[in-house]
Amino acid sequence: MKAWIEIEDEIKNLTVSAKFQDEGIKAIAINYVLKTKKEGRSGSSISTQQGKFISPINKQYTLFEVRMNLSKKDDLSVKLFVYHNKQLVAQD
C-alpha cells in the first residue's frame, strides 16, 4: 500500500491531493486522516479531513482534494495517514 500527497502550484493557488494505491489482491476498507497547517502574516489555520472507503485493487485513488490560497511567505504542512483495522498502513 502506498499513500502520498501531490501539490500543484498555480498563481497564488495550491491544489493539495491525497492519493492512495493498494497493490494487494483484494479490496479492503481503509480510513484516512489528512491534516493541513498553514501559517503566515494573516494568522494560522489548521484543518483535519477524515474519511472511509473501500480501496480499489491496483488503482490509484484520490482520497481528498483541496484548493487553498498561499503567499510566498506562508508555511504549509500537510500530513496523510491511512489506516486498516486501526493499524497505520501508509503515510506521507
Protein backbone atom coordinates (compact mmCIF):
# COMPACT_ATOMS: atom_id res chain seq x y z
CA MET A 1 0.00 0.00 0.00
CA LYS A 2 1.17 3.49 -0.84
CA ALA A 3 -0.08 6.90 0.22
CA TRP A 4 1.25 10.23 -0.95
CA ILE A 5 0.45 13.92 -1.22
CA GLU A 6 0.58 15.79 -4.52
CA ILE A 7 0.75 19.59 -4.60
CA GLU A 8 0.06 21.52 -7.79
CA ASP A 9 1.09 25.15 -7.80
CA GLU A 10 -0.85 27.79 -9.70
CA ILE A 11 -0.68 31.56 -9.33
CA LYS A 12 -1.41 32.13 -5.59
CA ASN A 13 -3.41 28.88 -5.52
CA LEU A 14 -2.37 25.41 -4.48
CA THR A 15 -4.21 22.18 -5.09
CA VAL A 16 -3.38 19.57 -2.45
CA SER A 17 -4.38 15.99 -3.28
CA ALA A 18 -4.17 12.96 -1.00
CA LYS A 19 -3.56 9.82 -3.09
CA PHE A 20 -3.66 6.12 -2.27
CA GLN A 21 -2.89 2.88 -4.08
CA ASP A 22 -3.43 -0.67 -2.82
CA GLU A 23 -1.34 -3.26 -4.65
CA GLY A 24 -2.93 -6.19 -2.82
CA ILE A 25 -5.10 -8.95 -4.27
CA LYS A 26 -8.41 -7.92 -2.67
CA ALA A 27 -10.24 -4.71 -1.85
CA ILE A 28 -10.04 -3.60 1.79
CA ALA A 29 -11.76 -0.98 3.92
CA ILE A 30 -9.48 1.86 4.98
CA ASN A 31 -9.75 5.09 6.96
CA TYR A 32 -7.67 8.17 6.23
CA VAL A 33 -6.78 11.39 8.01
CA LEU A 34 -5.37 14.42 6.16
CA LYS A 35 -4.01 17.24 8.33
CA THR A 36 -3.03 20.63 6.94
CA LYS A 37 -1.50 23.54 8.81
CA LYS A 38 -0.88 26.96 7.24
CA GLU A 39 0.92 29.82 8.98
CA GLY A 40 1.56 33.28 7.66
CA ARG A 41 1.14 37.00 8.22
CA SER A 42 -2.63 36.71 8.28
CA GLY A 43 -2.52 34.10 11.05
CA SER A 44 -2.69 30.34 11.13
CA SER A 45 -5.24 27.72 10.19
CA ILE A 46 -5.44 24.03 10.92
CA SER A 47 -7.69 21.60 9.06
CA THR A 48 -8.33 17.89 9.55
CA GLN A 49 -10.22 15.82 6.98
CA GLN A 50 -11.21 12.22 7.63
CA GLY A 51 -12.92 9.59 5.57
CA LYS A 52 -13.54 5.91 4.90
CA PHE A 53 -13.61 3.98 1.67
CA ILE A 54 -13.11 0.58 0.07
CA SER A 55 -9.82 0.62 -1.80
CA PRO A 56 -9.92 -0.49 -5.43
CA ILE A 57 -7.31 -3.12 -6.32
CA ASN A 58 -4.23 -1.85 -8.20
CA LYS A 59 -5.72 1.56 -8.92
CA GLN A 60 -4.58 4.98 -7.88
CA TYR A 61 -7.33 6.74 -5.94
CA THR A 62 -7.72 10.36 -4.86
CA LEU A 63 -8.89 10.35 -1.24
CA PHE A 64 -9.30 14.10 -0.92
CA GLU A 65 -8.50 17.28 -2.79
CA VAL A 66 -8.49 20.87 -1.56
CA ARG A 67 -7.55 24.23 -3.05
CA MET A 68 -6.05 26.97 -0.93
CA ASN A 69 -4.55 30.43 -1.25
CA LEU A 70 -0.91 30.60 -0.28
CA SER A 71 1.54 33.50 -0.40
CA LYS A 72 5.29 33.07 -0.75
CA LYS A 73 5.84 33.87 2.93
CA ASP A 74 3.30 31.33 4.21
CA ASP A 75 4.39 27.99 5.65
CA LEU A 76 2.37 24.89 4.81
CA SER A 77 2.49 21.46 6.42
CA VAL A 78 0.44 18.54 5.07
CA LYS A 79 0.32 15.04 6.59
CA LEU A 80 -1.58 11.98 5.40
CA PHE A 81 -2.26 8.85 7.45
CA VAL A 82 -4.02 5.71 6.15
CA TYR A 83 -5.33 3.00 8.48
CA HIS A 84 -6.69 -0.52 8.02
CA ASN A 85 -8.25 -2.22 11.08
CA LYS A 86 -6.97 0.72 13.20
CA GLN A 87 -3.38 0.00 12.16
CA LEU A 88 -1.31 2.57 10.27
CA VAL A 89 -0.57 1.07 6.84
CA ALA A 90 0.73 4.08 4.88
CA GLN A 91 1.62 7.72 5.43
CA ASP A 92 3.21 10.75 3.81
